[in-house]
C-alpha atoms as a PDB file:
ATOM      1  CA  MET A   1      38.855  -0.950 -23.521  1.00  0.00           C
ATOM      2  CA  LYS A   2      35.330  -1.889 -24.483  1.00  0.00           C
ATOM      3  CA  ILE A   3      32.580  -1.613 -21.816  1.00  0.00           C
ATOM      4  CA  ASN A   4      29.790  -4.156 -21.845  1.00  0.00           C
ATOM      5  CA  ILE A   5      26.774  -1.682 -20.828  1.00  0.00           C
ATOM      6  CA  LYS A   6      24.421  -4.488 -20.249  1.00  0.00           C
ATOM      7  CA  SER A   7      26.707  -6.309 -17.964  1.00  0.00           C
ATOM      8  CA  ALA A   8      27.691  -2.941 -16.202  1.00  0.00           C
ATOM      9  CA  PHE A   9      23.945  -2.264 -15.755  1.00  0.00           C
ATOM     10  CA  LEU A  10      23.266  -5.720 -14.274  1.00  0.00           C
ATOM     11  CA  SER A  11      26.272  -5.435 -11.929  1.00  0.00           C
ATOM     12  CA  LEU A  12      24.906  -2.246 -10.615  1.00  0.00           C
ATOM     13  CA  LEU A  13      21.229  -3.585 -10.245  1.00  0.00           C
ATOM     14  CA  PHE A  14      22.681  -6.545  -8.276  1.00  0.00           C
ATOM     15  CA  SER A  15      24.778  -4.263  -6.085  1.00  0.00           C
ATOM     16  CA  ALA A  16      21.692  -2.193  -5.376  1.00  0.00           C
ATOM     17  CA  LEU A  17      19.720  -5.219  -4.432  1.00  0.00           C
ATOM     18  CA  MET A  18      22.359  -6.626  -2.259  1.00  0.00           C
ATOM     19  CA  TYR A  19      23.193  -3.292  -0.599  1.00  0.00           C
ATOM     20  CA  PRO A  20      20.005  -1.344  -0.326  1.00  0.00           C
ATOM     21  CA  VAL A  21      20.244   2.525   0.304  1.00  0.00           C
ATOM     22  CA  LEU A  22      20.768   3.194   4.019  1.00  0.00           C
ATOM     23  CA  ALA A  23      17.635   4.220   5.896  1.00  0.00           C
ATOM     24  CA  GLN A  24      18.284   7.400   7.829  1.00  0.00           C
ATOM     25  CA  GLY A  25      16.366  10.288   9.493  1.00  0.00           C
ATOM     26  CA  ASP A  26      17.193  13.221  11.689  1.00  0.00           C
ATOM     27  CA  ASN A  27      17.953  12.403  15.404  1.00  0.00           C
ATOM     28  CA  TRP A  28      16.294  14.375  18.139  1.00  0.00           C
ATOM     29  CA  SER A  29      19.583  16.471  18.829  1.00  0.00           C
ATOM     30  CA  MET A  30      19.572  17.786  15.292  1.00  0.00           C
ATOM     31  CA  VAL A  31      15.738  18.607  15.260  1.00  0.00           C
ATOM     32  CA  LYS A  32      16.168  20.322  18.725  1.00  0.00           C
ATOM     33  CA  SER A  33      18.916  22.366  17.506  1.00  0.00           C
ATOM     34  CA  LYS A  34      17.488  23.319  14.146  1.00  0.00           C
ATOM     35  CA  GLY A  35      13.921  23.453  15.252  1.00  0.00           C
ATOM     36  CA  SER A  36      12.653  21.102  12.602  1.00  0.00           C
ATOM     37  CA  GLY A  37      13.594  17.827  10.965  1.00  0.00           C
ATOM     38  CA  THR A  38      12.353  14.562   9.503  1.00  0.00           C
ATOM     39  CA  ILE A  39      12.098  10.787  10.761  1.00  0.00           C
ATOM     40  CA  SER A  40      11.774   7.838   8.405  1.00  0.00           C
ATOM     41  CA  LEU A  41       9.230   5.123   9.146  1.00  0.00           C
ATOM     42  CA  ALA A  42       9.690   1.674   8.043  1.00  0.00           C
ATOM     43  CA  TYR A  43       6.792  -0.779   8.308  1.00  0.00           C
ATOM     44  CA  VAL A  44       5.288  -4.189   7.590  1.00  0.00           C
ATOM     45  CA  GLU A  45       1.780  -4.309   6.777  1.00  0.00           C
ATOM     46  CA  THR A  46      -0.047  -6.127   9.598  1.00  0.00           C
ATOM     47  CA  PRO A  47      -3.891  -6.140  10.092  1.00  0.00           C
ATOM     48  CA  GLY A  48      -4.961  -3.553  12.587  1.00  0.00           C
ATOM     49  CA  PHE A  49      -1.440  -2.349  13.109  1.00  0.00           C
ATOM     50  CA  VAL A  50      -0.497  -1.124   9.719  1.00  0.00           C
ATOM     51  CA  TYR A  51      -2.479  -1.509   6.694  1.00  0.00           C
ATOM     52  CA  LYS A  52      -4.195   0.669   3.814  1.00  0.00           C
ATOM     53  CA  ASP A  53      -7.498   2.042   3.950  1.00  0.00           C
ATOM     54  CA  ALA A  54     -10.064   2.035   1.076  1.00  0.00           C
ATOM     55  CA  SER A  55      -8.164   5.126  -0.383  1.00  0.00           C
ATOM     56  CA  GLY A  56      -4.962   3.406  -0.267  1.00  0.00           C
ATOM     57  CA  ASN A  57      -3.630   5.474   2.663  1.00  0.00           C
ATOM     58  CA  LEU A  58      -1.465   3.790   5.502  1.00  0.00           C
ATOM     59  CA  THR A  59      -3.501   3.618   8.731  1.00  0.00           C
ATOM     60  CA  GLY A  60      -3.497   1.402  11.901  1.00  0.00           C
ATOM     61  CA  ILE A  61      -2.712   1.367  15.443  1.00  0.00           C
ATOM     62  CA  CYS A  62       1.039   1.949  14.886  1.00  0.00           C
ATOM     63  CA  ILE A  63       0.410   4.871  12.365  1.00  0.00           C
ATOM     64  CA  ASP A  64      -1.962   6.581  14.908  1.00  0.00           C
ATOM     65  CA  ILE A  65       0.536   6.248  17.694  1.00  0.00           C
ATOM     66  CA  MET A  66       3.239   7.745  15.770  1.00  0.00           C
ATOM     67  CA  ASN A  67       0.985  10.461  14.511  1.00  0.00           C
ATOM     68  CA  ASP A  68       0.158  11.214  18.307  1.00  0.00           C
ATOM     69  CA  PHE A  69       4.024  11.075  19.173  1.00  0.00           C
ATOM     70  CA  VAL A  70       4.708  13.670  16.358  1.00  0.00           C
ATOM     71  CA  LYS A  71       2.032  15.892  17.765  1.00  0.00           C
ATOM     72  CA  TYR A  72       3.434  15.592  21.123  1.00  0.00           C
ATOM     73  CA  VAL A  73       7.049  16.446  20.124  1.00  0.00           C
ATOM     74  CA  ASN A  74       5.745  19.339  17.889  1.00  0.00           C
ATOM     75  CA  GLU A  75       3.653  20.853  20.784  1.00  0.00           C
ATOM     76  CA  ALA A  76       5.799  20.066  23.837  1.00  0.00           C
ATOM     77  CA  LYS A  77       9.117  20.841  22.451  1.00  0.00           C
ATOM     78  CA  SER A  78       8.133  23.703  20.054  1.00  0.00           C
ATOM     79  CA  VAL A  79       9.591  22.261  16.773  1.00  0.00           C
ATOM     80  CA  LYS A  80       8.512  21.076  13.343  1.00  0.00           C
ATOM     81  CA  LEU A  81       8.937  17.329  12.922  1.00  0.00           C
ATOM     82  CA  ASN A  82       7.938  15.647   9.793  1.00  0.00           C
ATOM     83  CA  THR A  83       7.485  12.012   8.756  1.00  0.00           C
ATOM     84  CA  GLN A  84       8.306   9.852   5.697  1.00  0.00           C
ATOM     85  CA  TYR A  85       7.388   6.256   5.069  1.00  0.00           C
ATOM     86  CA  ILE A  86      10.277   3.973   3.577  1.00  0.00           C
ATOM     87  CA  GLY A  87       9.833   0.379   2.117  1.00  0.00           C
ATOM     88  CA  ASP A  88       6.977  -1.331   0.677  1.00  0.00           C
ATOM     89  CA  GLY A  89       5.572  -2.930   3.746  1.00  0.00           C
ATOM     90  CA  GLY A  90       5.687  -6.427   2.388  1.00  0.00           C
ATOM     91  CA  SER A  91       8.338  -8.220   4.577  1.00  0.00           C
ATOM     92  CA  PHE A  92       8.952  -8.227   8.422  1.00  0.00           C
ATOM     93  CA  SER A  93      12.479  -9.357   7.886  1.00  0.00           C
ATOM     94  CA  LYS A  94      13.172  -6.364   5.479  1.00  0.00           C
ATOM     95  CA  MET A  95      11.548  -3.940   7.622  1.00  0.00           C
ATOM     96  CA  PHE A  96      13.658  -5.191  10.755  1.00  0.00           C
ATOM     97  CA  ALA A  97      16.862  -5.173   8.859  1.00  0.00           C
ATOM     98  CA  SER A  98      16.232  -1.817   7.397  1.00  0.00           C
ATOM     99  CA  VAL A  99      15.882  -0.420  11.019  1.00  0.00           C
ATOM    100  CA  LYS A 100      18.666  -2.468  12.408  1.00  0.00           C
ATOM    101  CA  SER A 101      21.129  -1.060   9.697  1.00  0.00           C
ATOM    102  CA  GLY A 102      19.448   2.494   9.631  1.00  0.00           C
ATOM    103  CA  LYS A 103      21.129   5.529  10.977  1.00  0.00           C
ATOM    104  CA  ASN A 104      19.612   7.995  13.497  1.00  0.00           C
ATOM    105  CA  GLY A 105      15.805   8.826  13.264  1.00  0.00           C
ATOM    106  CA  VAL A 106      14.351   5.655  11.800  1.00  0.00           C
ATOM    107  CA  PHE A 107      11.549   3.840  13.338  1.00  0.00           C
ATOM    108  CA  GLY A 108      10.090   0.332  12.684  1.00  0.00           C
ATOM    109  CA  LEU A 109       6.235  -0.062  12.855  1.00  0.00           C
ATOM    110  CA  GLY A 110       4.260  -3.339  12.868  1.00  0.00           C
ATOM    111  CA  ASN A 111       4.027  -6.541  14.931  1.00  0.00           C
ATOM    112  CA  ILE A 112       7.295  -6.575  16.559  1.00  0.00           C
ATOM    113  CA  THR A 113       7.624  -8.397  19.652  1.00  0.00           C
ATOM    114  CA  ILE A 114      10.145  -7.121  22.478  1.00  0.00           C
ATOM    115  CA  THR A 115      12.751  -9.744  23.344  1.00  0.00           C
ATOM    116  CA  GLU A 116      16.061  -9.503  25.065  1.00  0.00           C
ATOM    117  CA  ALA A 117      17.888 -10.835  21.991  1.00  0.00           C
ATOM    118  CA  ARG A 118      16.727  -8.180  19.736  1.00  0.00           C
ATOM    119  CA  LYS A 119      17.331  -5.433  22.438  1.00  0.00           C
ATOM    120  CA  LYS A 120      21.211  -6.246  21.595  1.00  0.00           C
ATOM    121  CA  GLU A 121      20.436  -5.212  17.928  1.00  0.00           C
ATOM    122  CA  ILE A 122      17.819  -2.363  18.182  1.00  0.00           C
ATOM    123  CA  LYS A 123      16.249  -0.027  20.593  1.00  0.00           C
ATOM    124  CA  PHE A 124      12.500  -0.417  21.642  1.00  0.00           C
ATOM    125  CA  SER A 125       9.814   1.997  22.589  1.00  0.00           C
ATOM    126  CA  PRO A 126       7.751   1.030  25.602  1.00  0.00           C
ATOM    127  CA  THR A 127       5.197  -1.629  25.060  1.00  0.00           C
ATOM    128  CA  PHE A 128       1.978  -0.282  23.294  1.00  0.00           C
ATOM    129  CA  ILE A 129       0.170  -3.645  23.251  1.00  0.00           C
ATOM    130  CA  GLN A 130       0.363  -7.181  24.436  1.00  0.00           C
ATOM    131  CA  ASN A 131       0.338  -9.789  21.773  1.00  0.00           C
ATOM    132  CA  VAL A 132      -1.613 -12.843  21.549  1.00  0.00           C
ATOM    133  CA  ALA A 133      -0.146 -15.615  19.400  1.00  0.00           C
ATOM    134  CA  ILE A 134      -2.873 -18.087  18.231  1.00  0.00           C
ATOM    135  CA  LEU A 135      -2.738 -21.582  17.148  1.00  0.00           C
ATOM    136  CA  ILE A 136      -4.860 -21.963  13.936  1.00  0.00           C
ATOM    137  CA  THR A 137      -5.941 -24.804  11.761  1.00  0.00           C
ATOM    138  CA  HIS A 138      -8.202 -25.221   8.808  1.00  0.00           C
ATOM    139  CA  LYS A 139     -11.764 -25.437  10.143  1.00  0.00           C
ATOM    140  CA  ASP A 140     -11.974 -29.273   9.497  1.00  0.00           C
ATOM    141  CA  VAL A 141      -9.140 -30.253  12.048  1.00  0.00           C
ATOM    142  CA  PRO A 142     -10.653 -31.627  15.142  1.00  0.00           C
ATOM    143  CA  THR A 143     -10.560 -29.218  18.209  1.00  0.00           C
ATOM    144  CA  LEU A 144      -7.847 -29.622  20.820  1.00  0.00           C
ATOM    145  CA  GLY A 145      -9.123 -29.886  24.390  1.00  0.00           C
ATOM    146  CA  SER A 146      -5.614 -29.743  25.750  1.00  0.00           C
ATOM    147  CA  MET A 147      -2.078 -29.206  24.212  1.00  0.00           C
ATOM    148  CA  SER A 148      -1.348 -33.056  25.008  1.00  0.00           C
ATOM    149  CA  GLU A 149      -3.804 -33.880  22.213  1.00  0.00           C
ATOM    150  CA  VAL A 150      -1.623 -32.376  19.534  1.00  0.00           C
ATOM    151  CA  SER A 151       0.191 -35.781  19.034  1.00  0.00           C
ATOM    152  CA  THR A 152      -2.949 -37.607  18.065  1.00  0.00           C
ATOM    153  CA  LYS A 153      -5.207 -34.758  16.588  1.00  0.00           C
ATOM    154  CA  PHE A 154      -2.512 -33.058  14.590  1.00  0.00           C
ATOM    155  CA  LYS A 155      -0.884 -36.274  13.428  1.00  0.00           C
ATOM    156  CA  GLY A 156      -0.560 -36.408   9.642  1.00  0.00           C
ATOM    157  CA  LEU A 157      -0.810 -32.568   9.539  1.00  0.00           C
ATOM    158  CA  LYS A 158       1.763 -30.205   7.969  1.00  0.00           C
ATOM    159  CA  ALA A 159       2.761 -26.784   9.491  1.00  0.00           C
ATOM    160  CA  TYR A 160       3.200 -23.561   7.752  1.00  0.00           C
ATOM    161  CA  THR A 161       5.239 -20.641   9.153  1.00  0.00           C
ATOM    162  CA  THR A 162       7.535 -17.744   8.192  1.00  0.00           C
ATOM    163  CA  LYS A 163      11.266 -17.865   8.807  1.00  0.00           C
ATOM    164  CA  GLY A 164      12.753 -15.594  11.421  1.00  0.00           C
ATOM    165  CA  THR A 165       9.626 -15.063  13.488  1.00  0.00           C
ATOM    166  CA  LEU A 166       8.872 -16.147  17.021  1.00  0.00           C
ATOM    167  CA  ASN A 167       5.901 -18.076  15.612  1.00  0.00           C
ATOM    168  CA  GLU A 168       8.445 -20.294  13.602  1.00  0.00           C
ATOM    169  CA  LYS A 169       9.964 -21.057  17.208  1.00  0.00           C
ATOM    170  CA  ARG A 170       6.500 -22.266  18.326  1.00  0.00           C
ATOM    171  CA  ILE A 171       5.866 -24.507  15.503  1.00  0.00           C
ATOM    172  CA  GLN A 172       9.584 -25.870  15.994  1.00  0.00           C
ATOM    173  CA  GLU A 173       8.522 -26.457  19.705  1.00  0.00           C
ATOM    174  CA  ILE A 174       5.460 -28.530  18.625  1.00  0.00           C
ATOM    175  CA  LYS A 175       7.663 -30.603  16.431  1.00  0.00           C
ATOM    176  CA  THR A 176      10.096 -31.170  19.108  1.00  0.00           C
ATOM    177  CA  LYS A 177       7.572 -31.994  21.970  1.00  0.00           C
ATOM    178  CA  TYR A 178       4.612 -33.740  20.154  1.00  0.00           C
ATOM    179  CA  ILE A 179       5.351 -34.626  16.387  1.00  0.00           C
ATOM    180  CA  PRO A 180       8.956 -35.224  15.576  1.00  0.00           C
ATOM    181  CA  SER A 181       7.887 -36.226  12.024  1.00  0.00           C
ATOM    182  CA  LEU A 182       6.087 -32.853  11.417  1.00  0.00           C
ATOM    183  CA  PRO A 183       6.719 -31.597   8.023  1.00  0.00           C
ATOM    184  CA  ILE A 184       7.059 -27.707   7.921  1.00  0.00           C
ATOM    185  CA  GLN A 185       6.701 -25.626   5.121  1.00  0.00           C
ATOM    186  CA  TYR A 186       7.683 -21.890   4.852  1.00  0.00           C
ATOM    187  CA  ALA A 187       5.553 -18.892   3.231  1.00  0.00           C
ATOM    188  CA  ALA A 188       7.149 -15.531   2.452  1.00  0.00           C
ATOM    189  CA  SER A 189       4.985 -13.598   5.039  1.00  0.00           C
ATOM    190  CA  SER A 190       2.217 -14.017   7.740  1.00  0.00           C
ATOM    191  CA  PRO A 191      -0.573 -13.281   5.292  1.00  0.00           C
ATOM    192  CA  ALA A 192       0.812 -15.905   2.916  1.00  0.00           C
ATOM    193  CA  THR A 193       1.180 -18.356   5.687  1.00  0.00           C
ATOM    194  CA  LEU A 194      -2.592 -17.649   6.779  1.00  0.00           C
ATOM    195  CA  ASP A 195      -3.576 -18.177   3.054  1.00  0.00           C
ATOM    196  CA  LYS A 196      -2.051 -21.633   2.872  1.00  0.00           C
ATOM    197  CA  VAL A 197      -3.553 -22.874   5.880  1.00  0.00           C
ATOM    198  CA  ALA A 198      -6.897 -21.661   4.755  1.00  0.00           C
ATOM    199  CA  ALA A 199      -6.352 -23.599   1.605  1.00  0.00           C
ATOM    200  CA  ASP A 200      -5.094 -26.762   3.162  1.00  0.00           C
ATOM    201  CA  SER A 201      -7.558 -28.750   5.287  1.00  0.00           C
ATOM    202  CA  GLN A 202      -4.467 -30.698   6.744  1.00  0.00           C
ATOM    203  CA  SER A 203      -2.416 -28.052   8.136  1.00  0.00           C
ATOM    204  CA  PHE A 204      -1.904 -25.435  11.054  1.00  0.00           C
ATOM    205  CA  THR A 205       0.212 -22.678  12.157  1.00  0.00           C
ATOM    206  CA  TYR A 206       0.751 -20.006  14.671  1.00  0.00           C
ATOM    207  CA  LEU A 207      -0.043 -16.460  13.992  1.00  0.00           C
ATOM    208  CA  ASP A 208      -0.467 -13.120  15.715  1.00  0.00           C
ATOM    209  CA  PHE A 209      -4.008 -12.429  16.952  1.00  0.00           C
ATOM    210  CA  ALA A 210      -4.253  -9.466  14.431  1.00  0.00           C
ATOM    211  CA  PHE A 211      -4.175 -11.917  11.369  1.00  0.00           C
ATOM    212  CA  TYR A 212      -6.774 -14.256  13.160  1.00  0.00           C
ATOM    213  CA  LEU A 213      -9.123 -11.440  13.441  1.00  0.00           C
ATOM    214  CA  ASP A 214      -8.799 -10.277  10.119  1.00  0.00           C
ATOM    215  CA  ALA A 215      -9.287 -13.892   8.954  1.00  0.00           C
ATOM    216  CA  ILE A 216     -12.374 -14.241  10.715  1.00  0.00           C
ATOM    217  CA  LYS A 217     -13.822 -10.772   9.519  1.00  0.00           C
ATOM    218  CA  ASN A 218     -13.040 -12.317   5.831  1.00  0.00           C
ATOM    219  CA  LYS A 219     -14.780 -15.446   6.749  1.00  0.00           C
ATOM    220  CA  LYS A 220     -11.674 -17.789   6.054  1.00  0.00           C
ATOM    221  CA  PRO A 221     -12.166 -21.398   6.821  1.00  0.00           C
ATOM    222  CA  LEU A 222      -9.915 -21.455   9.939  1.00  0.00           C
ATOM    223  CA  LYS A 223     -10.357 -22.448  13.599  1.00  0.00           C
ATOM    224  CA  ARG A 224      -8.561 -21.253  16.715  1.00  0.00           C
ATOM    225  CA  HIS A 225      -7.545 -23.614  19.433  1.00  0.00           C
ATOM    226  CA  GLY A 226      -7.781 -21.656  22.584  1.00  0.00           C
ATOM    227  CA  VAL A 227      -5.685 -24.054  24.520  1.00  0.00           C
ATOM    228  CA  GLY A 228      -2.655 -23.008  22.396  1.00  0.00           C
ATOM    229  CA  ASP A 229      -2.976 -19.236  23.170  1.00  0.00           C
ATOM    230  CA  LYS A 230       0.303 -17.554  24.015  1.00  0.00           C
ATOM    231  CA  ALA A 231      -0.153 -14.218  25.525  1.00  0.00           C
ATOM    232  CA  SER A 232       3.274 -13.604  27.198  1.00  0.00           C
ATOM    233  CA  GLU A 233       4.640 -11.135  24.442  1.00  0.00           C
ATOM    234  CA  GLU A 234       4.605  -7.417  24.170  1.00  0.00           C
ATOM    235  CA  PHE A 235       4.889  -5.155  21.072  1.00  0.00           C
ATOM    236  CA  GLY A 236       6.873  -2.187  20.694  1.00  0.00           C
ATOM    237  CA  LEU A 237       8.128   0.318  18.113  1.00  0.00           C
ATOM    238  CA  ILE A 238      11.824   0.033  17.276  1.00  0.00           C
ATOM    239  CA  MET A 239      14.771   2.205  16.430  1.00  0.00           C
ATOM    240  CA  PRO A 240      18.438   1.654  15.232  1.00  0.00           C
ATOM    241  CA  MET A 241      21.064   1.636  18.001  1.00  0.00           C
ATOM    242  CA  SER A 242      22.486   5.088  16.814  1.00  0.00           C
ATOM    243  CA  SER A 243      18.955   6.694  17.700  1.00  0.00           C
ATOM    244  CA  ASP A 244      18.677   9.172  20.219  1.00  0.00           C
ATOM    245  CA  TRP A 245      14.737   9.172  20.115  1.00  0.00           C
ATOM    246  CA  GLN A 246      14.228   6.496  22.789  1.00  0.00           C
ATOM    247  CA  PRO A 247      14.062   8.905  25.906  1.00  0.00           C
ATOM    248  CA  LEU A 248      11.685  11.081  24.333  1.00  0.00           C
ATOM    249  CA  MET A 249       9.406   8.163  23.146  1.00  0.00           C
ATOM    250  CA  THR A 250       9.610   7.067  26.821  1.00  0.00           C
ATOM    251  CA  GLU A 251       8.523  10.430  27.927  1.00  0.00           C
ATOM    252  CA  PHE A 252       5.554  10.487  25.499  1.00  0.00           C
ATOM    253  CA  PHE A 253       4.309   6.979  26.793  1.00  0.00           C
ATOM    254  CA  SER A 254       4.579   8.239  30.465  1.00  0.00           C
ATOM    255  CA  GLN A 255       2.693  11.694  29.937  1.00  0.00           C
ATOM    256  CA  ASN A 256      -0.565  12.245  31.745  1.00  0.00           C
ATOM    257  CA  GLY A 257      -0.640   8.766  33.670  1.00  0.00           C
ATOM    258  CA  GLY A 258       0.501   6.995  30.823  1.00  0.00           C
ATOM    259  CA  TYR A 259      -0.429   7.188  27.013  1.00  0.00           C
ATOM    260  CA  THR A 260      -1.902   3.481  26.975  1.00  0.00           C
ATOM    261  CA  ASN A 261      -4.299   4.400  29.804  1.00  0.00           C
ATOM    262  CA  SER A 262      -5.570   7.183  27.846  1.00  0.00           C
ATOM    263  CA  ILE A 263      -9.088   7.720  26.224  1.00  0.00           C
ATOM    264  CA  GLU A 264      -7.327   8.372  22.966  1.00  0.00           C
ATOM    265  CA  TYR A 265      -5.463   5.338  22.962  1.00  0.00           C
ATOM    266  CA  LYS A 266      -8.435   3.103  23.723  1.00  0.00           C
ATOM    267  CA  LYS A 267     -10.261   4.503  20.784  1.00  0.00           C
ATOM    268  CA  ILE A 268      -7.475   3.745  18.550  1.00  0.00           C
ATOM    269  CA  LEU A 269      -7.522   0.036  19.642  1.00  0.00           C
ATOM    270  CA  THR A 270     -11.319  -0.111  19.022  1.00  0.00           C
ATOM    271  CA  LYS A 271     -11.035   1.844  15.738  1.00  0.00           C
ATOM    272  CA  HIS A 272      -8.610  -0.774  14.370  1.00  0.00           C
ATOM    273  CA  LEU A 273      -9.340  -3.928  16.123  1.00  0.00           C
ATOM    274  CA  GLY A 274     -13.050  -3.708  16.833  1.00  0.00           C
ATOM    275  CA  THR A 275     -14.616  -4.520  19.950  1.00  0.00           C
ATOM    276  CA  ALA A 276     -13.996  -8.228  19.494  1.00  0.00           C
ATOM    277  CA  GLY A 277     -10.222  -7.726  19.190  1.00  0.00           C
ATOM    278  CA  VAL A 278     -10.217  -5.466  22.230  1.00  0.00           C
ATOM    279  CA  LYS A 279     -12.088  -7.987  24.201  1.00  0.00           C
ATOM    280  CA  LEU A 280      -9.578 -10.866  23.168  1.00  0.00           C
ATOM    281  CA  ILE A 281      -6.631  -8.850  24.500  1.00  0.00           C
ATOM    282  CA  ASN A 282      -8.312  -7.884  27.815  1.00  0.00           C
ATOM    283  CA  SER A 283      -9.514 -11.357  28.309  1.00  0.00           C
ATOM    284  CA  LEU A 284      -5.872 -12.667  28.566  1.00  0.00           C
ATOM    285  CA  LYS A 285      -4.385 -10.048  30.702  1.00  0.00           C
END
């Protein structure tokens, strides 16, 4: 029987794309028993939260928090815990799916909103920051005085968003409530969504505040409509249902009066968000 090598290769490649290697790491019970182990960190690149520095190394709020967590585990539990990064950071949905289908010691880092629906699929750490979703348009769009003006001032505009995000739901709510004929176009990621709005004077979107701050820093032609701010969400790190790291993560966040109340944590926020970003978060508490 002849074997078509090209066809066999393409079949294997297709299978690899459809069924990626299962993300996995060591559970806490194994690390505690052996005295050492490795956890895997999936991530989605997000300004301020997970990004590459000038040398190409991953840094950000989530990276620093995980570094502090690993340091805490090693010192408090007398073990040697190591980390490894997995994935390319280019997609929220891929990061989320990687953790959801992952096994044991896998963590997801990025702008991940804690919701009751997601709690049925994954485990969360305690909240590490409050998110602010911001209504953004091109700078040439008239400023909203109230959300009731959306139907007139945003009439004729199109919306850009990314599938599977809570910001997509916000766009759909605007369509339902104010502009039933609103055309919605989809981009592959939040950065791509931001670029489309910056390039299109007749458009708008909802994005997490970190992307807005990054856009302002890079002087992109965008406008924030403060009346549309949504500050009811909280971000957390995520783990697969098979993980036993959640109690230890809760212990870490609870230490010494609460990790998010610590000087170290506040320095991390200022380092990666700047004083403007910290003020924005504090103003909406």
